[in-house]
Amino acid sequence: MSRRRLIVVVAFFLVLLATAILLPRPFTDRSSGPGVEESPPQTVRVESGETPGAPATEESPHGDRILEGYGREGATPQSDIESVSRLLDIFQLLVKSNGALPLGSNEDIVSALTGNNPHRMEFLSTNHPAIDAKGRLVDRWKSPLYFHPVSRDELEIRSAGPDQRMWTEDDIHRNPDGTFRDRSESMPASLF
C-alpha cells in the first residue's frame, strides 16, 4: 500500500472515530431486543384532577424531557407550542420513516408519539400531563391542540387560548416557519 493511500485510510478512520465519540448517542428503544417479548404499547392516561407524574429523568422518554416545563407557571403559551413543535420535529428525525408522523388528528399524532409507530418507540410517556384522558395533546388550559398539516413535513399548531374555544381572538397559532400569527391574522374575515 502506498504511503499516500495509507494516510488517507488512517485519516478516514480517525474521522469516523471522532464522529462516534463526539456525536450524542441516538435514542434506543429499550423495549425491544433479544429476549424481550414484543407487546403493544400500554395506554395509561392521566385523568383530569390527578397529579402529574414525576419530573422527567434520564430514563424518561426523550419527549418527556422536551416537554418537561410544558404548561408551567413562568412559561408562556407560545413556549409551550414551541416545545410541542420541537417534540414533533425531533420525533420525525429519530423515526425516519414514511408516515412517522401521521397527517391526521391529534389522537393519531399522540398514538405515534407513544409507541404506535414503525419502530414501536415510546417517544412520549402515555401518562404525560400534556396528554388528556382521550389521548390528545392539550394546551395549558386543557383544550386539545389543533394540528393542520401544511405539507408532509410541516404543521401549523393552534391552541384555543384562555377562553378554551377554538377559532376565537385569543387563539395562539404557530406557523410552520416558527412565527406566530397575531390576533388579526388568526381570525381572518373569511371565517365569519
N, C-alpha and C. Protein backbone atom coordinates (compact mmCIF):
# COMPACT_ATOMS: atom_id res chain seq x y z
N MET A 1 0.85 -1.18 0.00
CA MET A 1 0.00 0.00 0.00
C MET A 1 0.89 1.24 0.00
N SER A 2 0.57 2.17 -0.83
CA SER A 2 1.39 3.37 -0.91
C SER A 2 1.21 4.23 0.33
N ARG A 3 2.21 5.01 0.58
CA ARG A 3 2.21 5.88 1.76
C ARG A 3 1.02 6.85 1.74
N ARG A 4 0.72 7.38 0.58
CA ARG A 4 -0.38 8.33 0.44
C ARG A 4 -1.73 7.66 0.72
N ARG A 5 -1.92 6.46 0.20
CA ARG A 5 -3.17 5.72 0.43
C ARG A 5 -3.32 5.36 1.91
N LEU A 6 -2.22 4.98 2.55
CA LEU A 6 -2.24 4.66 3.98
C LEU A 6 -2.67 5.88 4.80
N ILE A 7 -2.17 7.05 4.45
CA ILE A 7 -2.53 8.28 5.15
C ILE A 7 -4.03 8.56 4.98
N VAL A 8 -4.57 8.36 3.79
CA VAL A 8 -5.99 8.60 3.53
C VAL A 8 -6.84 7.63 4.36
N VAL A 9 -6.46 6.37 4.40
CA VAL A 9 -7.22 5.36 5.15
C VAL A 9 -7.18 5.68 6.65
N VAL A 10 -6.02 6.01 7.18
CA VAL A 10 -5.90 6.35 8.60
C VAL A 10 -6.72 7.60 8.91
N ALA A 11 -6.67 8.61 8.07
CA ALA A 11 -7.45 9.84 8.28
C ALA A 11 -8.94 9.53 8.27
N PHE A 12 -9.39 8.67 7.36
CA PHE A 12 -10.80 8.29 7.29
C PHE A 12 -11.25 7.63 8.60
N PHE A 13 -10.45 6.69 9.11
CA PHE A 13 -10.82 6.02 10.35
C PHE A 13 -10.77 6.96 11.55
N LEU A 14 -9.87 7.91 11.55
CA LEU A 14 -9.82 8.89 12.63
C LEU A 14 -11.06 9.78 12.62
N VAL A 15 -11.51 10.16 11.43
CA VAL A 15 -12.73 10.95 11.31
C VAL A 15 -13.92 10.15 11.80
N LEU A 16 -14.00 8.87 11.43
CA LEU A 16 -15.09 8.01 11.91
C LEU A 16 -15.07 7.88 13.43
N LEU A 17 -13.88 7.67 14.00
CA LEU A 17 -13.75 7.54 15.44
C LEU A 17 -14.15 8.83 16.14
N ALA A 18 -13.71 9.97 15.64
CA ALA A 18 -14.07 11.25 16.24
C ALA A 18 -15.57 11.49 16.16
N THR A 19 -16.17 11.12 15.04
CA THR A 19 -17.62 11.27 14.88
C THR A 19 -18.36 10.41 15.89
N ALA A 20 -17.93 9.18 16.06
CA ALA A 20 -18.59 8.27 17.00
C ALA A 20 -18.47 8.77 18.43
N ILE A 21 -17.35 9.39 18.77
CA ILE A 21 -17.14 9.87 20.13
C ILE A 21 -17.87 11.18 20.39
N LEU A 22 -17.84 12.10 19.43
CA LEU A 22 -18.37 13.44 19.65
C LEU A 22 -19.87 13.58 19.46
N LEU A 23 -20.47 12.76 18.62
CA LEU A 23 -21.91 12.89 18.39
C LEU A 23 -22.68 12.31 19.57
N PRO A 24 -23.82 12.93 19.92
CA PRO A 24 -24.63 12.36 21.00
C PRO A 24 -25.18 11.01 20.58
N ARG A 25 -25.38 10.17 21.56
CA ARG A 25 -25.92 8.85 21.28
C ARG A 25 -27.37 8.96 20.86
N PRO A 26 -27.76 8.18 19.85
CA PRO A 26 -29.16 8.21 19.43
C PRO A 26 -30.04 7.52 20.45
N PHE A 27 -31.32 7.88 20.40
CA PHE A 27 -32.29 7.24 21.28
C PHE A 27 -32.42 5.77 20.89
N THR A 28 -32.37 4.90 21.87
CA THR A 28 -32.60 3.49 21.60
C THR A 28 -33.83 3.06 22.35
N ASP A 29 -34.65 2.31 21.69
CA ASP A 29 -35.87 1.81 22.30
C ASP A 29 -35.52 0.60 23.14
N ARG A 30 -35.58 0.75 24.46
CA ARG A 30 -35.20 -0.31 25.37
C ARG A 30 -36.26 -1.40 25.48
N SER A 31 -37.39 -1.19 24.84
CA SER A 31 -38.46 -2.17 24.95
C SER A 31 -38.35 -3.27 23.90
N SER A 32 -37.29 -3.27 23.10
CA SER A 32 -37.13 -4.33 22.13
C SER A 32 -35.70 -4.81 22.15
N GLY A 33 -35.49 -5.96 21.60
CA GLY A 33 -34.15 -6.52 21.55
C GLY A 33 -34.20 -7.98 21.90
N PRO A 34 -33.03 -8.64 21.96
CA PRO A 34 -33.01 -10.05 22.26
C PRO A 34 -33.60 -10.34 23.63
N GLY A 35 -34.45 -11.31 23.69
CA GLY A 35 -35.03 -11.73 24.97
C GLY A 35 -36.19 -10.89 25.44
N VAL A 36 -36.60 -9.89 24.67
CA VAL A 36 -37.72 -9.04 25.07
C VAL A 36 -38.90 -9.37 24.18
N GLU A 37 -39.99 -9.76 24.80
CA GLU A 37 -41.18 -10.07 24.02
C GLU A 37 -41.79 -8.79 23.48
N GLU A 38 -42.27 -8.85 22.26
CA GLU A 38 -42.91 -7.69 21.66
C GLU A 38 -44.36 -7.63 22.11
N SER A 39 -44.75 -6.50 22.63
CA SER A 39 -46.14 -6.32 23.05
C SER A 39 -46.57 -4.92 22.66
N PRO A 40 -47.86 -4.71 22.49
CA PRO A 40 -48.31 -3.38 22.11
C PRO A 40 -48.06 -2.40 23.24
N PRO A 41 -47.85 -1.12 22.92
CA PRO A 41 -47.63 -0.15 23.97
C PRO A 41 -48.85 -0.06 24.87
N GLN A 42 -48.60 0.08 26.16
CA GLN A 42 -49.69 0.19 27.10
C GLN A 42 -50.19 1.62 27.14
N THR A 43 -51.46 1.78 27.37
CA THR A 43 -52.05 3.10 27.41
C THR A 43 -52.49 3.40 28.83
N VAL A 44 -51.86 4.40 29.43
CA VAL A 44 -52.23 4.86 30.75
C VAL A 44 -52.42 6.36 30.63
N ARG A 45 -53.55 6.85 30.97
CA ARG A 45 -53.85 8.27 30.82
C ARG A 45 -54.01 8.93 32.18
N VAL A 46 -53.61 10.19 32.24
CA VAL A 46 -53.82 10.98 33.45
C VAL A 46 -55.21 11.59 33.35
N GLU A 47 -56.06 11.25 34.28
CA GLU A 47 -57.40 11.83 34.32
C GLU A 47 -57.28 13.25 34.86
N SER A 48 -58.20 14.12 34.45
CA SER A 48 -58.12 15.49 34.94
C SER A 48 -58.29 15.48 36.46
N GLY A 49 -57.51 16.28 37.12
CA GLY A 49 -57.54 16.34 38.57
C GLY A 49 -56.46 15.48 39.21
N GLU A 50 -55.89 14.51 38.48
CA GLU A 50 -54.83 13.68 39.03
C GLU A 50 -53.54 14.46 39.04
N THR A 51 -52.63 14.06 39.92
CA THR A 51 -51.33 14.69 39.98
C THR A 51 -50.46 14.15 38.86
N PRO A 52 -49.81 15.03 38.09
CA PRO A 52 -48.94 14.55 37.02
C PRO A 52 -47.81 13.70 37.60
N GLY A 53 -47.19 12.90 36.73
CA GLY A 53 -46.09 12.04 37.15
C GLY A 53 -44.88 12.84 37.58
N ALA A 54 -43.86 12.12 38.01
CA ALA A 54 -42.62 12.73 38.48
C ALA A 54 -41.94 13.48 37.33
N PRO A 55 -41.06 14.43 37.65
CA PRO A 55 -40.34 15.14 36.59
C PRO A 55 -39.54 14.16 35.74
N ALA A 56 -39.25 14.56 34.52
CA ALA A 56 -38.51 13.70 33.60
C ALA A 56 -37.13 13.40 34.16
N THR A 57 -36.67 12.17 33.94
CA THR A 57 -35.35 11.74 34.37
C THR A 57 -34.57 11.28 33.14
N GLU A 58 -33.33 10.85 33.35
CA GLU A 58 -32.52 10.33 32.25
C GLU A 58 -33.18 9.12 31.60
N GLU A 59 -33.94 8.35 32.38
CA GLU A 59 -34.59 7.16 31.85
C GLU A 59 -35.91 7.47 31.16
N SER A 60 -36.43 8.67 31.34
CA SER A 60 -37.69 9.06 30.71
C SER A 60 -37.52 9.11 29.20
N PRO A 61 -38.59 8.85 28.47
CA PRO A 61 -38.51 9.02 27.00
C PRO A 61 -38.10 10.44 26.65
N HIS A 62 -37.46 10.59 25.50
CA HIS A 62 -36.98 11.91 25.07
C HIS A 62 -38.08 12.97 25.09
N GLY A 63 -39.26 12.60 24.64
CA GLY A 63 -40.35 13.55 24.58
C GLY A 63 -40.73 14.12 25.94
N ASP A 64 -40.63 13.31 26.99
CA ASP A 64 -40.92 13.79 28.33
C ASP A 64 -39.95 14.89 28.73
N ARG A 65 -38.69 14.71 28.34
CA ARG A 65 -37.68 15.73 28.68
C ARG A 65 -37.90 17.00 27.87
N ILE A 66 -38.34 16.85 26.61
CA ILE A 66 -38.60 18.03 25.78
C ILE A 66 -39.77 18.84 26.33
N LEU A 67 -40.79 18.15 26.85
CA LEU A 67 -41.99 18.83 27.38
C LEU A 67 -41.94 19.02 28.89
N GLU A 68 -40.78 18.94 29.50
CA GLU A 68 -40.69 18.99 30.95
C GLU A 68 -41.30 20.25 31.55
N GLY A 69 -41.09 21.41 30.96
CA GLY A 69 -41.64 22.65 31.51
C GLY A 69 -42.99 23.04 30.92
N TYR A 70 -43.61 22.14 30.19
CA TYR A 70 -44.84 22.42 29.46
C TYR A 70 -45.98 22.84 30.40
N GLY A 71 -46.57 23.99 30.12
CA GLY A 71 -47.73 24.45 30.86
C GLY A 71 -47.45 24.96 32.27
N ARG A 72 -46.20 25.08 32.62
CA ARG A 72 -45.87 25.53 33.98
C ARG A 72 -45.91 27.04 34.10
N GLU A 73 -46.15 27.49 35.31
CA GLU A 73 -46.16 28.92 35.59
C GLU A 73 -44.78 29.48 35.27
N GLY A 74 -44.73 30.64 34.69
CA GLY A 74 -43.47 31.26 34.31
C GLY A 74 -43.14 31.03 32.84
N ALA A 75 -43.70 29.98 32.25
CA ALA A 75 -43.53 29.75 30.81
C ALA A 75 -44.69 30.43 30.08
N THR A 76 -44.47 30.75 28.83
CA THR A 76 -45.52 31.39 28.05
C THR A 76 -46.28 30.33 27.25
N PRO A 77 -47.51 30.63 26.87
CA PRO A 77 -48.23 29.70 25.99
C PRO A 77 -47.48 29.48 24.67
N GLN A 78 -46.81 30.50 24.18
CA GLN A 78 -46.04 30.35 22.94
C GLN A 78 -44.88 29.38 23.14
N SER A 79 -44.23 29.42 24.32
CA SER A 79 -43.12 28.48 24.56
C SER A 79 -43.65 27.05 24.67
N ASP A 80 -44.87 26.89 25.17
CA ASP A 80 -45.48 25.55 25.18
C ASP A 80 -45.64 25.02 23.77
N ILE A 81 -46.15 25.87 22.87
CA ILE A 81 -46.36 25.46 21.48
C ILE A 81 -45.02 25.19 20.80
N GLU A 82 -44.01 26.00 21.12
CA GLU A 82 -42.66 25.77 20.59
C GLU A 82 -42.15 24.41 21.04
N SER A 83 -42.40 24.04 22.29
CA SER A 83 -41.97 22.74 22.80
C SER A 83 -42.65 21.60 22.05
N VAL A 84 -43.93 21.75 21.77
CA VAL A 84 -44.65 20.71 21.01
C VAL A 84 -44.06 20.62 19.60
N SER A 85 -43.77 21.74 18.99
CA SER A 85 -43.19 21.74 17.65
C SER A 85 -41.83 21.04 17.67
N ARG A 86 -41.00 21.36 18.67
CA ARG A 86 -39.69 20.73 18.80
C ARG A 86 -39.84 19.22 19.02
N LEU A 87 -40.82 18.83 19.84
CA LEU A 87 -41.12 17.42 20.09
C LEU A 87 -41.41 16.69 18.78
N LEU A 88 -42.27 17.26 17.95
CA LEU A 88 -42.65 16.64 16.69
C LEU A 88 -41.48 16.59 15.70
N ASP A 89 -40.69 17.67 15.66
CA ASP A 89 -39.53 17.70 14.75
C ASP A 89 -38.51 16.63 15.12
N ILE A 90 -38.18 16.52 16.40
CA ILE A 90 -37.18 15.54 16.83
C ILE A 90 -37.71 14.12 16.64
N PHE A 91 -38.99 13.91 16.91
CA PHE A 91 -39.58 12.59 16.69
C PHE A 91 -39.43 12.18 15.22
N GLN A 92 -39.74 13.09 14.31
CA GLN A 92 -39.62 12.77 12.89
C GLN A 92 -38.17 12.47 12.50
N LEU A 93 -37.22 13.18 13.09
CA LEU A 93 -35.82 12.93 12.79
C LEU A 93 -35.38 11.55 13.28
N LEU A 94 -35.86 11.15 14.45
CA LEU A 94 -35.45 9.87 15.01
C LEU A 94 -36.12 8.68 14.35
N VAL A 95 -37.39 8.80 14.02
CA VAL A 95 -38.11 7.66 13.47
C VAL A 95 -37.76 7.46 11.99
N LYS A 96 -37.61 8.54 11.24
CA LYS A 96 -37.17 8.49 9.85
C LYS A 96 -37.84 7.40 9.03
N SER A 97 -39.12 7.44 8.92
CA SER A 97 -39.81 6.50 8.04
C SER A 97 -41.02 7.19 7.45
N ASN A 98 -41.51 6.65 6.37
CA ASN A 98 -42.71 7.21 5.77
C ASN A 98 -43.85 7.10 6.76
N GLY A 99 -44.54 8.15 6.94
CA GLY A 99 -45.68 8.12 7.84
C GLY A 99 -45.30 8.12 9.31
N ALA A 100 -44.08 8.57 9.66
CA ALA A 100 -43.67 8.60 11.06
C ALA A 100 -44.63 9.46 11.86
N LEU A 101 -44.97 10.59 11.33
CA LEU A 101 -45.93 11.48 11.98
C LEU A 101 -47.16 11.51 11.10
N PRO A 102 -48.24 10.91 11.57
CA PRO A 102 -49.42 10.86 10.71
C PRO A 102 -49.99 12.24 10.42
N LEU A 103 -50.47 12.40 9.22
CA LEU A 103 -51.11 13.66 8.85
C LEU A 103 -52.58 13.57 9.20
N GLY A 104 -52.87 13.23 10.42
CA GLY A 104 -54.24 13.04 10.85
C GLY A 104 -54.56 13.89 12.05
N SER A 105 -55.34 13.30 12.90
CA SER A 105 -55.85 14.02 14.06
C SER A 105 -54.83 14.07 15.19
N ASN A 106 -55.15 14.86 16.19
CA ASN A 106 -54.34 14.96 17.40
C ASN A 106 -54.13 13.57 18.00
N GLU A 107 -55.20 12.77 18.07
CA GLU A 107 -55.11 11.43 18.65
C GLU A 107 -54.14 10.54 17.86
N ASP A 108 -54.13 10.68 16.55
CA ASP A 108 -53.22 9.90 15.71
C ASP A 108 -51.77 10.28 15.98
N ILE A 109 -51.53 11.56 16.14
CA ILE A 109 -50.17 12.04 16.42
C ILE A 109 -49.72 11.52 17.78
N VAL A 110 -50.57 11.61 18.80
CA VAL A 110 -50.21 11.12 20.13
C VAL A 110 -49.97 9.61 20.09
N SER A 111 -50.78 8.90 19.34
CA SER A 111 -50.60 7.46 19.22
C SER A 111 -49.20 7.14 18.67
N ALA A 112 -48.76 7.87 17.65
CA ALA A 112 -47.43 7.65 17.09
C ALA A 112 -46.34 8.00 18.11
N LEU A 113 -46.52 9.10 18.83
CA LEU A 113 -45.53 9.52 19.82
C LEU A 113 -45.41 8.53 20.98
N THR A 114 -46.50 7.87 21.32
CA THR A 114 -46.49 6.98 22.48
C THR A 114 -46.21 5.52 22.12
N GLY A 115 -45.82 5.24 20.90
CA GLY A 115 -45.36 3.90 20.57
C GLY A 115 -45.99 3.25 19.37
N ASN A 116 -47.06 3.80 18.84
CA ASN A 116 -47.69 3.21 17.66
C ASN A 116 -47.05 3.81 16.41
N ASN A 117 -45.79 3.46 16.19
CA ASN A 117 -45.03 3.94 15.05
C ASN A 117 -44.22 2.76 14.51
N PRO A 118 -43.63 2.88 13.33
CA PRO A 118 -42.93 1.74 12.73
C PRO A 118 -41.83 1.12 13.60
N HIS A 119 -41.23 1.90 14.49
CA HIS A 119 -40.15 1.38 15.34
C HIS A 119 -40.63 1.00 16.74
N ARG A 120 -41.93 1.17 16.99
CA ARG A 120 -42.52 0.88 18.30
C ARG A 120 -41.79 1.64 19.42
N MET A 121 -41.31 2.83 19.08
CA MET A 121 -40.57 3.67 20.00
C MET A 121 -41.53 4.51 20.83
N GLU A 122 -41.41 4.40 22.15
CA GLU A 122 -42.19 5.27 23.03
C GLU A 122 -41.38 6.55 23.20
N PHE A 123 -41.77 7.57 22.47
CA PHE A 123 -41.06 8.85 22.50
C PHE A 123 -41.63 9.77 23.56
N LEU A 124 -42.89 9.55 23.95
CA LEU A 124 -43.56 10.34 24.96
C LEU A 124 -44.34 9.38 25.84
N SER A 125 -44.23 9.54 27.15
CA SER A 125 -44.95 8.66 28.07
C SER A 125 -46.45 8.82 27.89
N THR A 126 -47.15 7.72 27.96
CA THR A 126 -48.60 7.77 27.80
C THR A 126 -49.28 8.49 28.95
N ASN A 127 -48.61 8.61 30.08
CA ASN A 127 -49.21 9.30 31.23
C ASN A 127 -48.67 10.72 31.40
N HIS A 128 -48.08 11.27 30.35
CA HIS A 128 -47.55 12.64 30.43
C HIS A 128 -48.70 13.61 30.67
N PRO A 129 -48.51 14.62 31.52
CA PRO A 129 -49.59 15.57 31.82
C PRO A 129 -50.10 16.36 30.61
N ALA A 130 -49.34 16.39 29.52
CA ALA A 130 -49.79 17.11 28.32
C ALA A 130 -50.76 16.27 27.50
N ILE A 131 -51.01 15.02 27.92
CA ILE A 131 -51.95 14.14 27.21
C ILE A 131 -53.19 13.98 28.08
N ASP A 132 -54.36 14.25 27.50
CA ASP A 132 -55.60 14.12 28.28
C ASP A 132 -56.12 12.68 28.27
N ALA A 133 -57.22 12.46 28.94
CA ALA A 133 -57.80 11.12 29.07
C ALA A 133 -58.25 10.55 27.74
N LYS A 134 -58.48 11.39 26.74
CA LYS A 134 -58.89 10.92 25.42
C LYS A 134 -57.71 10.70 24.48
N GLY A 135 -56.49 10.84 25.00
CA GLY A 135 -55.31 10.61 24.18
C GLY A 135 -54.95 11.74 23.25
N ARG A 136 -55.17 12.98 23.69
CA ARG A 136 -54.87 14.16 22.87
C ARG A 136 -53.86 15.05 23.59
N LEU A 137 -52.99 15.68 22.81
CA LEU A 137 -52.12 16.70 23.38
C LEU A 137 -52.97 17.92 23.67
N VAL A 138 -52.85 18.45 24.87
CA VAL A 138 -53.66 19.60 25.27
C VAL A 138 -52.77 20.78 25.62
N ASP A 139 -53.35 21.98 25.56
CA ASP A 139 -52.62 23.18 25.94
C ASP A 139 -52.69 23.36 27.46
N ARG A 140 -52.16 24.45 27.96
CA ARG A 140 -52.13 24.69 29.40
C ARG A 140 -53.52 24.87 30.01
N TRP A 141 -54.51 25.11 29.17
CA TRP A 141 -55.89 25.26 29.65
C TRP A 141 -56.68 23.97 29.47
N LYS A 142 -55.99 22.88 29.13
CA LYS A 142 -56.57 21.53 28.97
C LYS A 142 -57.48 21.41 27.76
N SER A 143 -57.31 22.29 26.76
CA SER A 143 -58.04 22.17 25.50
C SER A 143 -57.14 21.45 24.50
N PRO A 144 -57.71 20.57 23.67
CA PRO A 144 -56.88 19.86 22.69
C PRO A 144 -56.25 20.82 21.68
N LEU A 145 -55.00 20.56 21.35
CA LEU A 145 -54.33 21.33 20.31
C LEU A 145 -54.88 20.93 18.96
N TYR A 146 -54.84 21.84 18.02
CA TYR A 146 -55.30 21.59 16.67
C TYR A 146 -54.07 21.58 15.77
N PHE A 147 -53.89 20.49 15.01
CA PHE A 147 -52.77 20.37 14.09
C PHE A 147 -53.29 20.42 12.66
N HIS A 148 -52.71 21.33 11.89
CA HIS A 148 -53.11 21.46 10.48
C HIS A 148 -51.88 21.19 9.62
N PRO A 149 -51.86 20.03 8.92
CA PRO A 149 -50.71 19.75 8.05
C PRO A 149 -50.70 20.68 6.84
N VAL A 150 -49.60 21.39 6.66
CA VAL A 150 -49.43 22.26 5.51
C VAL A 150 -48.76 21.48 4.39
N SER A 151 -47.89 20.57 4.77
CA SER A 151 -47.24 19.66 3.83
C SER A 151 -46.89 18.41 4.63
N ARG A 152 -46.21 17.49 3.99
CA ARG A 152 -45.86 16.25 4.67
C ARG A 152 -44.96 16.49 5.88
N ASP A 153 -44.14 17.53 5.85
CA ASP A 153 -43.18 17.79 6.91
C ASP A 153 -43.51 19.03 7.75
N GLU A 154 -44.58 19.72 7.45
CA GLU A 154 -44.86 20.97 8.15
C GLU A 154 -46.27 20.98 8.72
N LEU A 155 -46.37 21.45 9.97
CA LEU A 155 -47.66 21.55 10.65
C LEU A 155 -47.85 22.95 11.20
N GLU A 156 -49.07 23.42 11.14
CA GLU A 156 -49.47 24.58 11.93
C GLU A 156 -50.05 24.01 13.22
N ILE A 157 -49.75 24.67 14.32
CA ILE A 157 -50.26 24.22 15.62
C ILE A 157 -51.06 25.36 16.21
N ARG A 158 -52.26 25.04 16.68
CA ARG A 158 -53.14 26.07 17.22
C ARG A 158 -53.66 25.65 18.58
N SER A 159 -53.61 26.60 19.52
CA SER A 159 -54.18 26.42 20.85
C SER A 159 -55.43 27.28 20.94
N ALA A 160 -56.44 26.79 21.64
CA ALA A 160 -57.69 27.54 21.78
C ALA A 160 -57.52 28.77 22.67
N GLY A 161 -56.44 28.85 23.41
CA GLY A 161 -56.21 30.00 24.27
C GLY A 161 -57.00 29.95 25.56
N PRO A 162 -56.93 31.02 26.35
CA PRO A 162 -57.55 31.03 27.68
C PRO A 162 -59.06 30.83 27.68
N ASP A 163 -59.75 31.22 26.61
CA ASP A 163 -61.21 31.05 26.62
C ASP A 163 -61.63 29.61 26.30
N GLN A 164 -60.66 28.77 25.95
CA GLN A 164 -60.87 27.34 25.68
C GLN A 164 -61.85 27.08 24.53
N ARG A 165 -61.99 28.07 23.65
CA ARG A 165 -62.84 27.91 22.46
C ARG A 165 -61.97 28.16 21.24
N MET A 166 -61.97 27.19 20.34
CA MET A 166 -61.17 27.32 19.13
C MET A 166 -61.81 28.33 18.18
N TRP A 167 -60.97 28.99 17.40
CA TRP A 167 -61.36 29.95 16.37
C TRP A 167 -61.91 31.24 16.98
N THR A 168 -61.33 31.67 18.08
CA THR A 168 -61.67 32.97 18.67
C THR A 168 -60.41 33.82 18.70
N GLU A 169 -60.56 35.07 19.10
CA GLU A 169 -59.46 36.03 19.02
C GLU A 169 -58.27 35.71 19.92
N ASP A 170 -58.45 34.92 20.98
CA ASP A 170 -57.32 34.67 21.87
C ASP A 170 -56.55 33.39 21.51
N ASP A 171 -56.86 32.78 20.36
CA ASP A 171 -56.14 31.58 19.93
C ASP A 171 -54.66 31.90 19.74
N ILE A 172 -53.83 30.89 19.98
CA ILE A 172 -52.39 31.01 19.76
C ILE A 172 -52.07 30.11 18.59
N HIS A 173 -51.55 30.70 17.51
CA HIS A 173 -51.38 29.99 16.24
C HIS A 173 -49.92 30.07 15.81
N ARG A 174 -49.26 28.90 15.72
CA ARG A 174 -47.86 28.85 15.28
C ARG A 174 -47.80 28.37 13.84
N ASN A 175 -47.13 29.15 13.00
CA ASN A 175 -46.91 28.80 11.60
C ASN A 175 -45.78 27.77 11.50
N PRO A 176 -45.70 27.03 10.40
CA PRO A 176 -44.63 26.04 10.24
C PRO A 176 -43.22 26.64 10.28
N ASP A 177 -43.08 27.93 9.92
CA ASP A 177 -41.75 28.56 9.92
C ASP A 177 -41.33 29.04 11.30
N GLY A 178 -42.15 28.80 12.32
CA GLY A 178 -41.80 29.17 13.69
C GLY A 178 -42.35 30.51 14.15
N THR A 179 -42.96 31.26 13.24
CA THR A 179 -43.55 32.54 13.64
C THR A 179 -44.95 32.30 14.19
N PHE A 180 -45.42 33.26 14.95
CA PHE A 180 -46.77 33.19 15.48
C PHE A 180 -47.62 34.25 14.80
N ARG A 181 -48.85 33.90 14.51
CA ARG A 181 -49.76 34.87 13.93
C ARG A 181 -50.27 35.79 15.02
N ASP A 182 -50.41 37.07 14.68
CA ASP A 182 -51.03 37.94 15.67
C ASP A 182 -52.53 37.75 15.62
N ARG A 183 -53.22 38.34 16.53
CA ARG A 183 -54.66 38.08 16.67
C ARG A 183 -55.45 38.41 15.40
N SER A 184 -55.07 39.46 14.70
CA SER A 184 -55.81 39.82 13.49
C SER A 184 -55.59 38.78 12.39
N GLU A 185 -54.41 38.16 12.33
CA GLU A 185 -54.15 37.13 11.33
C GLU A 185 -54.80 35.81 11.71
N SER A 186 -54.99 35.57 13.00
CA SER A 186 -55.59 34.31 13.45
C SER A 186 -57.08 34.27 13.19
N MET A 187 -57.68 35.41 13.04
CA MET A 187 -59.12 35.49 12.82
C MET A 187 -59.43 36.23 11.53
N PRO A 188 -59.08 35.66 10.36
CA PRO A 188 -59.36 36.36 9.12
C PRO A 188 -60.85 36.52 8.89
N ALA A 189 -61.20 37.56 8.16
CA ALA A 189 -62.61 37.86 7.91
C ALA A 189 -63.33 36.70 7.23
N SER A 190 -62.60 35.86 6.50
CA SER A 190 -63.22 34.74 5.78
C SER A 190 -63.84 33.72 6.74
N LEU A 191 -63.43 33.74 8.01
CA LEU A 191 -64.01 32.81 8.98
C LEU A 191 -65.41 33.24 9.43
N PHE A 192 -65.74 34.49 9.18
CA PHE A 192 -67.02 34.99 9.69
C PHE A 192 -68.06 34.90 8.65
